[in-house]
């Protein structure tokens, strides 16, 4: 199975990403030790020239992570027909013990990559690269995460066996299951809806305050908004599994978030998950981007960038809410009397 084109493409993307990140980490270690913009020595000039190439390579490698994440889930769903018991990506990812951890780490790498790309863009706007140590320190932290994700992905593909009987999503996302999927499926629909739309409302209100009045002293509004996006992501995924998915399937016992990606449901999962992931990725960057205004060379560009990112996050968040609401209103399922 490992010689399938999609799997080879994913493994090649992981290899190139880890190589680029490894090279960037080596360069980043040199930057952390020797960077001194007040020094006119040849070594400092070489570091300054190297930042352009390194940032481009690392930025491209991290941008690939978003495409790879979508391809990983899409390929898992497409391969479901090759395993007994699998109906969608949920079953394929449970063929062995590496699938779900690999997906979880890929999601973590995706968000970390988006944060690094935002910091790199902001840093490139300053004539003295004021955030260069911060962004390369972050890169050194992202590298182990990316290596672990690549290792788990490789282990997952190497251990795929067509003769293994796996479990379908109806066993994973059911209240009878003891795992987190069962816990989310068992959530009271009214509570799940309240948390989902209540969280979206609070996030949009906080974003409005941020855009109209600024990040606040110490950037507390901006940092709070970034943290609130993480909470909203969790609430959003919980809401999709516990209550939005049954409205799509018009079946109160079907909670799988992966079946939403299938063509028979109009690929509605991409319209749900896409805005939620985009909102979280953009929202996470708001705090660091607002922090950049304390550096003289970024004083004018930082407010523009963090407001733009906040608006992007708010727009994606609102889109996620509208899609969820439209699904509920158009569904023939009645969960509430």
Foldseek 3Di string as FASTA:
>chain_A
DCPDPLNVVLLVLLVQLLVLLVVLLVLLVCCLVDADLVDPDPVNVVNVVVVVVSCVSNLVSLVVLVVSLVSLQVVLQVCQVLAAAENGSVQSLVLDDLRVVLSVLSLVSNLLSLQLNLLSVLLVLFPRSPCSNVSSVSSNVSSVSSVVSSVSSVVSVVPDDSPGHTHYVLQQQDCVDPDPSNVLQPDDLVVLVCLQVVLLVVLLVLLVCCLPPNLDVVSVSLQVSLVSLVVNLVSLLSNQQHHLVCLLVLHSSHRDLRCCCDVVSPRVSCQQVVLSSLLNSLSNNLSVLSVVCVDPRSVPVSSVSSNVSSVSNSVSSVSNVVSSVVSNVPGPHDPDD
